[in-house]
Amino acid sequence: MEARYHSVTLDKESCRGCSNCLMHCPTQAIRVRGGRAHIIKELCIDCGQCIRVCPYHAKVAMTDILEDLDRFSHRIALPAPSFFAQFGRSIHSLGQILDAIRAIGFDEVYEVARGADAVTRALRELLRDRHRPRPLISSACPTVTRIIQVRFPGLIDHIVPLKQPMEVAAAAARREYCKARGVQLAEVGVFFITPCPAKMTAIRSPIGQRASQVDGAISIQEVYAAVLPELERFKGSKTMPAATPSGLRWAAAGGESEASLCENSLAVDGIDNVIRVLEEIENGKLSDLDFLEAAACVGGCVGGPLVYGNNYVARNTLRALARDLPGRDPEEAADGAPPLPSSLRLEEPIRPNGVMKLSDDMDRALAMMDEMDAIAARLPGYDCGSCGSPSCAAFAEDIVRGYCKELDCVYLLKDRLKIMAQQMVDLSQTQRE
């Protein structure tokens, strides 16, 4: 299987071997062995859940830093719409924030919300095609796409075959900048200001693309800390944002559905909720739905693990900022482009992640499944995580795969010790007789 970059990593020195991350991982990609957590890279989707729940901060997201801008002669910032929501709307304007971003080392700023406007136009066109499987599932959140690859491969054909707004914005920003400045494409570094580690992974290991148009990703937390001291200098800024209110609202749950103008749509946020809805679709219970907007983070991108502010406050701020923008529709921001330009299409098909297969040999896989069922029948079914696996079913699979032994289950070990203790008592009585 093709190796994939991961932004989420483990700081082994900080890990204490608790089971918080183990029990909250949506793909069961974490095990605790030898008193330390271990991430199964093939299963990890870089959702950042483990970062949120780890009390020892042993899970970290590896992103670029502002010093990495020095690799390029020209630097473009791509602020996610969620970045603007980190600042108090009553104090700061969008233009003020855009100017402050330039002040920390960028030559130009291109709003990712403009990429969202372009994808919105293309999405509306796709939704009019009644030959596509229903419901169409948004491709905007790379975590959701990855979890479909791992756990719901039968739904891959439902994924909207469009690039993420980040990628669309990056390509347009580089093209416009080079044309205006007369510089070569390779001289320009394009950096996304990201709310989550999944976007960093999507840059290094693209989904449906041969290569990303983005050169790096810097966390919202780091850029926020650098921008905040600069804001006062640009009070009363006359800079006007180019994105529409719809593009800006993509950052909050429900924003993409609203922009698509699809009445028969559903917006779901939070990875556990997303999984439950995907299970419903897999079981054929939502075939009458036209569009599913799914965001791994609660609240959408404003709730990402790398944001600075409170999720609910950020959503409120975003709504207020969108109201302050001129009431343009994404179609008005098209600049004469066709509704579905080929540059917005994914370049390659999305393929399933076959890591959950027990074996390529069908007979061997069936034998392993029988063995797993037999082991699971002997287990208590508590799903306590004490064995270092997230559930009894996962533990049975781990045993079959050779990762651990049955007596790693404390309950089976306890029963075995009871038997051994009784045998010792019986043996001692026999010897006395």
Protein backbone atom coordinates (compact mmCIF):
# COMPACT_ATOMS: atom_id res chain seq x y z
CA MET A 1 0.00 0.00 0.00
CA GLU A 2 1.20 3.53 -0.82
CA ALA A 3 2.83 5.27 2.14
CA ARG A 4 1.06 8.44 3.24
CA TYR A 5 2.30 11.47 5.12
CA HIS A 6 0.72 12.11 8.52
CA SER A 7 0.45 15.44 10.26
CA VAL A 8 -0.78 13.93 13.55
CA THR A 9 2.14 12.41 15.45
CA LEU A 10 2.85 11.04 18.91
CA ASP A 11 5.22 12.58 21.44
CA LYS A 12 6.29 9.38 23.17
CA GLU A 13 7.98 11.22 26.04
CA SER A 14 4.71 12.92 27.01
CA CYS A 15 2.46 9.87 26.60
CA ARG A 16 1.30 8.22 29.85
CA GLY A 17 -0.54 5.31 28.27
CA CYS A 18 -4.05 6.39 29.25
CA SER A 19 -6.93 5.26 27.04
CA ASN A 20 -8.47 8.65 26.13
CA CYS A 21 -7.16 8.69 22.57
CA LEU A 22 -7.79 4.96 22.23
CA MET A 23 -11.50 5.28 22.92
CA HIS A 24 -12.10 8.40 20.81
CA CYS A 25 -10.33 7.48 17.56
CA PRO A 26 -13.01 7.10 14.83
CA THR A 27 -10.99 4.58 12.81
CA GLN A 28 -9.59 2.64 15.79
CA ALA A 29 -6.09 3.59 14.67
CA ILE A 30 -4.58 3.75 18.17
CA ARG A 31 -3.31 0.97 20.44
CA VAL A 32 -1.66 1.14 23.85
CA ARG A 33 1.23 -1.26 24.17
CA GLY A 34 4.04 -1.21 26.71
CA GLY A 35 2.51 1.75 28.52
CA ARG A 36 2.58 4.01 25.44
CA ALA A 37 0.12 4.80 22.65
CA HIS A 38 0.92 3.69 19.12
CA ILE A 39 -0.73 5.09 15.97
CA ILE A 40 -1.46 2.65 13.15
CA LYS A 41 -0.52 4.90 10.25
CA GLU A 42 -2.51 2.98 7.68
CA LEU A 43 -5.72 3.62 9.64
CA CYS A 44 -5.06 7.19 10.80
CA ILE A 45 -7.07 9.88 8.95
CA ASP A 46 -5.47 12.87 10.77
CA CYS A 47 -8.80 14.06 12.12
CA GLY A 48 -7.20 15.49 15.27
CA GLN A 49 -9.59 13.86 17.73
CA CYS A 50 -6.66 12.49 19.72
CA ILE A 51 -5.14 15.97 19.91
CA ARG A 52 -8.33 17.28 21.49
CA VAL A 53 -8.75 14.55 24.12
CA CYS A 54 -5.16 13.88 25.20
CA PRO A 55 -4.70 15.36 28.71
CA TYR A 56 -0.91 15.13 28.40
CA HIS A 57 -0.63 16.86 25.00
CA ALA A 58 1.16 13.81 23.66
CA LYS A 59 -0.58 14.07 20.26
CA VAL A 60 0.63 16.95 18.13
CA ALA A 61 0.01 18.25 14.62
CA MET A 62 3.11 18.79 12.52
CA THR A 63 2.60 21.89 10.36
CA ASP A 64 4.84 24.46 8.73
CA ILE A 65 5.97 27.57 10.59
CA LEU A 66 6.32 31.20 9.53
CA GLU A 67 10.08 30.80 9.13
CA ASP A 68 9.37 28.41 6.24
CA LEU A 69 8.31 31.41 4.16
CA ASP A 70 12.02 32.12 3.66
CA ARG A 71 12.21 29.22 1.20
CA PHE A 72 10.52 31.40 -1.42
CA SER A 73 11.18 34.80 -2.96
CA HIS A 74 7.44 35.49 -3.18
CA ARG A 75 4.86 34.38 -0.60
CA ILE A 76 1.09 34.15 -0.83
CA ALA A 77 -1.15 33.54 2.18
CA LEU A 78 -4.36 31.54 1.82
CA PRO A 79 -6.41 32.30 4.94
CA ALA A 80 -9.19 29.81 5.58
CA PRO A 81 -12.55 31.52 6.20
CA SER A 82 -12.36 30.16 9.75
CA PHE A 83 -9.27 32.32 10.35
CA PHE A 84 -11.29 35.55 10.17
CA ALA A 85 -13.70 34.19 12.76
CA GLN A 86 -10.96 34.15 15.41
CA PHE A 87 -11.06 37.94 15.79
CA GLY A 88 -13.72 39.99 17.53
CA ARG A 89 -16.01 41.38 14.85
CA SER A 90 -16.73 44.56 16.85
CA ILE A 91 -13.04 45.49 16.83
CA HIS A 92 -11.60 44.16 13.58
CA SER A 93 -12.73 44.29 9.95
CA LEU A 94 -11.89 41.76 7.25
CA GLY A 95 -9.81 44.36 5.42
CA GLN A 96 -7.84 45.09 8.59
CA ILE A 97 -7.06 41.39 9.01
CA LEU A 98 -6.02 41.01 5.36
CA ASP A 99 -3.60 43.93 5.66
CA ALA A 100 -2.16 42.54 8.91
CA ILE A 101 -1.49 39.17 7.23
CA ARG A 102 0.61 40.93 4.60
CA ALA A 103 2.53 42.68 7.36
CA ILE A 104 3.86 39.44 8.88
CA GLY A 105 5.77 38.40 5.76
CA PHE A 106 3.37 37.74 2.89
CA ASP A 107 3.45 39.58 -0.43
CA GLU A 108 -0.15 38.78 -1.24
CA VAL A 109 -3.28 37.36 0.39
CA TYR A 110 -5.84 35.32 -1.52
CA GLU A 111 -8.99 34.35 0.34
CA VAL A 112 -9.80 30.63 0.32
CA ALA A 113 -13.44 31.74 0.45
CA ARG A 114 -12.99 32.75 -3.22
CA GLY A 115 -12.10 29.11 -3.94
CA ALA A 116 -15.27 28.13 -2.07
CA ASP A 117 -17.26 30.44 -4.37
CA ALA A 118 -15.81 28.69 -7.42
CA VAL A 119 -16.55 25.23 -6.01
CA THR A 120 -20.07 26.38 -5.12
CA ARG A 121 -20.80 27.18 -8.77
CA ALA A 122 -19.46 23.80 -9.87
CA LEU A 123 -21.38 21.97 -7.13
CA ARG A 124 -24.65 23.55 -8.20
CA GLU A 125 -24.04 22.23 -11.71
CA LEU A 126 -23.30 18.71 -10.44
CA LEU A 127 -26.45 18.66 -8.33
CA ARG A 128 -28.50 19.24 -11.49
CA ASP A 129 -27.12 15.98 -12.92
CA ARG A 130 -29.72 13.39 -11.88
CA HIS A 131 -27.58 10.49 -13.15
CA ARG A 132 -25.14 10.77 -10.26
CA PRO A 133 -25.63 8.52 -7.19
CA ARG A 134 -27.56 10.06 -4.35
CA PRO A 135 -26.78 11.57 -2.04
CA LEU A 136 -23.72 13.39 -3.31
CA ILE A 137 -21.22 13.73 -0.44
CA SER A 138 -19.10 16.86 -0.11
CA SER A 139 -15.37 16.48 -0.78
CA ALA A 140 -14.44 19.65 1.12
CA CYS A 141 -13.39 17.90 4.36
CA PRO A 142 -10.42 15.57 3.69
CA THR A 143 -11.04 13.74 6.96
CA VAL A 144 -14.50 12.68 5.77
CA THR A 145 -13.10 11.56 2.41
CA ARG A 146 -10.43 9.50 4.18
CA ILE A 147 -12.91 7.84 6.52
CA ILE A 148 -15.02 6.85 3.52
CA GLN A 149 -11.89 5.33 1.97
CA VAL A 150 -11.23 3.33 5.15
CA ARG A 151 -14.66 2.42 6.51
CA PHE A 152 -17.19 3.04 3.72
CA PRO A 153 -15.47 2.24 0.40
CA GLY A 154 -18.85 1.47 -1.17
CA LEU A 155 -19.70 5.18 -0.91
CA ILE A 156 -16.68 6.50 -2.83
CA ASP A 157 -18.77 7.03 -5.97
CA HIS A 158 -20.98 9.38 -3.95
CA ILE A 159 -18.11 11.79 -3.23
CA VAL A 160 -18.32 15.04 -5.19
CA PRO A 161 -15.47 14.86 -7.76
CA LEU A 162 -14.31 18.43 -7.11
CA LYS A 163 -11.12 19.79 -5.58
CA GLN A 164 -11.13 21.38 -2.15
CA PRO A 165 -11.54 25.20 -2.07
CA MET A 166 -7.98 25.40 -0.70
CA GLU A 167 -6.60 23.81 -3.90
CA VAL A 168 -8.77 25.91 -6.21
CA ALA A 169 -7.72 29.10 -4.43
CA ALA A 170 -4.03 28.13 -4.49
CA ALA A 171 -3.98 27.54 -8.25
CA ALA A 172 -5.79 30.82 -8.96
CA ALA A 173 -3.61 32.79 -6.53
CA ARG A 174 -0.35 31.56 -8.03
CA ARG A 175 -1.57 32.12 -11.59
CA GLU A 176 -2.81 35.67 -10.91
CA TYR A 177 0.26 36.65 -8.91
CA CYS A 178 2.75 35.43 -11.53
CA LYS A 179 0.86 37.17 -14.32
CA ALA A 180 0.71 40.46 -12.43
CA ARG A 181 4.34 40.41 -11.19
CA GLY A 182 6.00 38.68 -14.12
CA VAL A 183 7.63 35.97 -12.00
CA GLN A 184 8.02 32.23 -12.48
CA LEU A 185 5.60 29.78 -10.82
CA ALA A 186 8.44 28.07 -8.92
CA GLU A 187 9.45 31.35 -7.25
CA VAL A 188 6.11 31.64 -5.48
CA GLY A 189 5.28 29.85 -2.23
CA VAL A 190 1.58 29.42 -1.42
CA PHE A 191 0.76 28.74 2.25
CA PHE A 192 -2.62 27.76 3.65
CA ILE A 193 -3.56 29.06 7.11
CA THR A 194 -5.15 25.90 8.42
CA PRO A 195 -7.66 25.07 11.16
CA CYS A 196 -6.81 21.34 11.16
CA PRO A 197 -4.02 18.78 10.59
CA ALA A 198 -6.04 16.99 7.89
CA LYS A 199 -5.40 19.87 5.48
CA MET A 200 -1.65 19.53 6.03
CA THR A 201 -1.92 15.83 5.22
CA ALA A 202 -4.02 16.62 2.15
CA ILE A 203 -1.21 18.86 0.89
CA ARG A 204 1.53 16.29 1.37
CA SER A 205 -0.63 13.30 0.33
CA PRO A 206 -3.29 14.74 -1.99
CA ILE A 207 -6.65 13.07 -2.57
CA GLY A 208 -7.63 12.76 -6.22
CA GLN A 209 -4.67 14.86 -7.39
CA ARG A 210 -1.16 14.07 -8.55
CA ALA A 211 0.26 17.00 -6.57
CA SER A 212 -1.08 19.78 -4.41
CA GLN A 213 -1.04 23.41 -5.54
CA VAL A 214 -0.23 24.40 -1.95
CA ASP A 215 3.37 24.52 -0.73
CA GLY A 216 2.69 24.38 2.98
CA ALA A 217 0.23 24.89 5.83
CA ILE A 218 0.66 27.02 8.94
CA SER A 219 -1.71 26.62 11.86
CA ILE A 220 -4.30 29.29 12.60
CA GLN A 221 -2.95 29.44 16.15
CA GLU A 222 0.53 30.48 15.00
CA VAL A 223 -0.64 33.04 12.44
CA TYR A 224 -3.20 34.47 14.85
CA ALA A 225 -0.46 35.13 17.41
CA ALA A 226 1.62 36.94 14.78
CA VAL A 227 -1.24 38.94 13.26
CA LEU A 228 -2.88 40.14 16.48
CA PRO A 229 -0.14 42.71 17.40
CA GLU A 230 -0.26 44.14 13.86
CA LEU A 231 -3.98 44.84 13.72
CA GLU A 232 -3.90 48.25 15.36
CA ARG A 233 -1.67 49.58 12.57
CA PHE A 234 -4.41 48.94 10.02
CA LYS A 235 -7.40 50.27 11.90
CA GLY A 236 -9.75 51.87 9.39
CA SER A 237 -8.37 49.79 6.51
CA LYS A 238 -9.97 50.41 3.12
CA THR A 239 -9.06 46.95 1.80
CA MET A 240 -12.14 45.11 0.59
CA PRO A 241 -12.45 41.29 0.68
CA ALA A 242 -13.16 39.66 -2.67
CA ALA A 243 -15.19 36.67 -1.45
CA THR A 244 -18.96 36.51 -1.19
CA PRO A 245 -20.87 35.96 2.07
CA SER A 246 -21.57 32.39 0.90
CA GLY A 247 -17.86 31.66 0.49
CA LEU A 248 -17.13 32.98 3.96
CA ARG A 249 -19.91 30.92 5.56
CA TRP A 250 -18.39 27.66 4.23
CA ALA A 251 -16.29 27.63 7.42
CA ALA A 252 -19.31 26.89 9.62
CA ALA A 253 -21.49 23.78 9.53
CA GLY A 254 -24.31 24.23 7.05
CA GLY A 255 -22.51 26.89 5.00
CA GLU A 256 -21.78 24.68 2.00
CA SER A 257 -25.32 23.29 1.91
CA GLU A 258 -26.75 26.79 2.06
CA ALA A 259 -24.47 27.99 -0.75
CA SER A 260 -25.38 25.00 -2.95
CA LEU A 261 -29.05 26.11 -3.00
CA CYS A 262 -29.98 22.44 -2.58
CA GLU A 263 -33.15 22.26 -0.49
CA ASN A 264 -32.96 18.48 -0.12
CA SER A 265 -29.63 18.51 1.73
CA LEU A 266 -28.29 17.58 5.14
CA ALA A 267 -25.41 19.17 7.06
CA VAL A 268 -23.71 17.03 9.71
CA ASP A 269 -20.77 18.00 11.89
CA GLY A 270 -18.69 16.05 14.39
CA ILE A 271 -16.95 12.86 13.31
CA ASP A 272 -19.15 10.53 15.37
CA ASN A 273 -22.31 12.07 13.89
CA VAL A 274 -20.82 11.86 10.40
CA ILE A 275 -20.08 8.16 10.86
CA ARG A 276 -23.66 7.46 11.96
CA VAL A 277 -25.06 9.22 8.90
CA LEU A 278 -22.64 7.42 6.56
CA GLU A 279 -23.83 4.14 8.06
CA GLU A 280 -27.40 5.17 7.25
CA ILE A 281 -26.42 5.92 3.64
CA GLU A 282 -24.52 2.64 3.38
CA ASN A 283 -27.67 0.83 4.53
CA GLY A 284 -29.75 2.57 1.85
CA LYS A 285 -31.82 4.63 4.27
CA LEU A 286 -31.01 8.09 2.84
CA SER A 287 -31.20 7.40 -0.89
CA ASP A 288 -33.84 10.14 -1.26
CA LEU A 289 -31.35 12.78 -0.07
CA ASP A 290 -29.60 14.88 -2.74
CA PHE A 291 -26.59 16.28 -0.89
CA LEU A 292 -24.68 15.60 2.33
CA GLU A 293 -22.35 18.22 3.77
CA ALA A 294 -20.16 16.42 6.30
CA ALA A 295 -17.57 18.08 8.53
CA ALA A 296 -15.38 16.09 10.90
CA CYS A 297 -15.10 18.93 13.42
CA VAL A 298 -18.00 20.06 15.58
CA GLY A 299 -19.28 23.31 14.14
CA GLY A 300 -17.34 22.86 10.90
CA CYS A 301 -13.88 24.29 10.24
CA VAL A 302 -14.37 26.94 12.94
CA GLY A 303 -14.16 24.01 15.39
CA GLY A 304 -10.87 22.62 14.08
CA PRO A 305 -8.20 21.46 16.55
CA LEU A 306 -5.74 24.17 15.41
CA VAL A 307 -8.00 27.20 15.84
CA TYR A 308 -7.53 29.76 18.59
CA GLY A 309 -11.01 30.87 19.60
CA ASN A 310 -14.13 29.23 20.97
CA ASN A 311 -16.10 27.32 18.34
CA TYR A 312 -19.48 28.87 19.18
CA VAL A 313 -18.16 32.43 19.43
CA ALA A 314 -16.35 31.94 16.11
CA ARG A 315 -19.55 30.83 14.40
CA ASN A 316 -21.32 33.94 15.67
CA THR A 317 -18.47 36.16 14.49
CA LEU A 318 -18.50 34.50 11.06
CA ARG A 319 -22.20 35.15 10.59
CA ALA A 320 -21.72 38.80 11.54
CA LEU A 321 -18.77 39.21 9.15
CA ALA A 322 -20.76 37.63 6.32
CA ARG A 323 -23.64 40.06 6.95
CA ASP A 324 -21.22 42.97 6.58
CA LEU A 325 -20.18 41.89 3.07
CA PRO A 326 -22.04 43.02 -0.05
CA GLY A 327 -24.84 40.53 -0.73
CA ARG A 328 -23.35 38.94 -3.84
CA ASP A 329 -24.05 35.39 -4.99
CA PRO A 330 -21.13 33.10 -5.99
CA GLU A 331 -22.41 33.24 -9.58
CA GLU A 332 -21.65 36.98 -9.59
CA ALA A 333 -18.02 36.23 -8.70
CA ALA A 334 -17.53 33.91 -11.68
CA ASP A 335 -15.61 36.43 -13.85
CA GLY A 336 -17.02 34.75 -16.94
CA ALA A 337 -15.77 31.26 -16.02
CA PRO A 338 -17.89 28.27 -17.10
CA PRO A 339 -19.92 26.65 -14.31
CA LEU A 340 -17.78 23.52 -14.22
CA PRO A 341 -14.26 24.29 -15.53
CA SER A 342 -12.10 21.19 -15.88
CA SER A 343 -9.54 22.71 -13.51
CA LEU A 344 -11.96 22.14 -10.63
CA ARG A 345 -12.37 18.44 -11.31
CA LEU A 346 -10.33 15.84 -9.45
CA GLU A 347 -7.49 14.59 -11.62
CA GLU A 348 -7.56 10.99 -10.38
CA PRO A 349 -10.24 8.66 -9.02
CA ILE A 350 -10.51 8.31 -5.26
CA ARG A 351 -9.59 4.77 -4.32
CA PRO A 352 -10.51 2.70 -1.25
CA ASN A 353 -8.01 2.15 1.52
CA GLY A 354 -7.81 -1.65 1.78
CA VAL A 355 -6.00 -1.66 5.11
CA MET A 356 -8.95 -3.25 6.89
CA LYS A 357 -8.73 -6.40 4.77
CA LEU A 358 -7.56 -9.37 6.80
CA SER A 359 -5.87 -11.03 3.85
CA ASP A 360 -5.72 -10.87 0.07
CA ASP A 361 -6.38 -14.61 0.07
CA MET A 362 -10.14 -15.10 0.46
CA ASP A 363 -9.89 -18.52 2.13
CA ARG A 364 -7.33 -17.20 4.59
CA ALA A 365 -9.46 -14.13 5.31
CA LEU A 366 -12.52 -16.29 6.02
CA ALA A 367 -10.51 -18.53 8.34
CA MET A 368 -9.24 -15.47 10.20
CA MET A 369 -12.79 -14.16 10.56
CA ASP A 370 -13.90 -17.48 12.05
CA GLU A 371 -10.99 -17.34 14.48
CA MET A 372 -11.90 -13.75 15.43
CA ASP A 373 -15.49 -14.78 16.13
CA ALA A 374 -14.32 -17.63 18.34
CA ILE A 375 -12.01 -15.34 20.31
CA ALA A 376 -14.67 -12.63 20.61
CA ALA A 377 -17.07 -15.21 22.09
CA ARG A 378 -14.58 -15.81 24.91
CA LEU A 379 -14.15 -12.11 25.67
CA PRO A 380 -16.34 -10.27 28.22
CA GLY A 381 -17.61 -7.65 25.73
CA TYR A 382 -16.95 -4.69 28.04
CA ASP A 383 -14.95 -2.68 25.45
CA CYS A 384 -13.00 -1.22 28.37
CA GLY A 385 -9.72 -0.65 26.55
CA SER A 386 -7.66 -2.17 29.37
CA CYS A 387 -6.07 -4.58 26.90
CA GLY A 388 -4.71 -1.68 24.84
CA SER A 389 -7.22 -2.16 22.01
CA PRO A 390 -10.27 0.10 21.60
CA SER A 391 -12.88 -2.69 21.75
CA CYS A 392 -13.22 -6.43 22.27
CA ALA A 393 -13.81 -6.86 18.52
CA ALA A 394 -10.64 -4.91 17.73
CA PHE A 395 -8.76 -6.94 20.35
CA ALA A 396 -9.88 -10.20 18.73
CA GLU A 397 -8.67 -8.91 15.38
CA ASP A 398 -5.36 -7.81 16.91
CA ILE A 399 -4.84 -11.31 18.29
CA VAL A 400 -5.51 -12.87 14.90
CA ARG A 401 -3.15 -10.43 13.24
CA GLY A 402 -0.48 -11.39 15.80
CA TYR A 403 -0.28 -8.02 17.56
CA CYS A 404 -1.12 -9.33 21.04
CA LYS A 405 -2.24 -12.37 23.05
CA GLU A 406 -5.51 -13.36 24.71
CA LEU A 407 -4.09 -12.99 28.21
CA ASP A 408 -3.58 -9.28 27.55
CA CYS A 409 -7.27 -9.09 28.47
CA VAL A 410 -7.30 -8.46 32.22
CA TYR A 411 -10.58 -10.36 32.63
CA LEU A 412 -9.32 -13.48 30.89
CA LEU A 413 -6.10 -13.17 32.85
CA LYS A 414 -8.09 -12.87 36.10
CA ASP A 415 -10.07 -16.00 35.26
CA ARG A 416 -6.87 -17.85 34.38
CA LEU A 417 -5.26 -16.79 37.67
CA LYS A 418 -8.31 -18.01 39.58
CA ILE A 419 -8.01 -21.40 37.90
CA MET A 420 -4.28 -21.52 38.63
CA ALA A 421 -4.85 -20.53 42.26
CA GLN A 422 -7.44 -23.27 42.68
CA GLN A 423 -5.11 -25.77 41.04
CA MET A 424 -2.39 -24.79 43.52
CA VAL A 425 -4.81 -25.24 46.42
CA ASP A 426 -5.85 -28.64 45.08
CA LEU A 427 -2.23 -29.61 44.57
CA SER A 428 -1.24 -28.59 48.13
CA GLN A 429 -4.15 -30.60 49.61
CA THR A 430 -3.16 -33.64 47.54
CA GLN A 431 0.42 -33.42 48.77
CA ARG A 432 -0.70 -33.21 52.42
CA GLU A 433 -2.84 -36.32 52.02
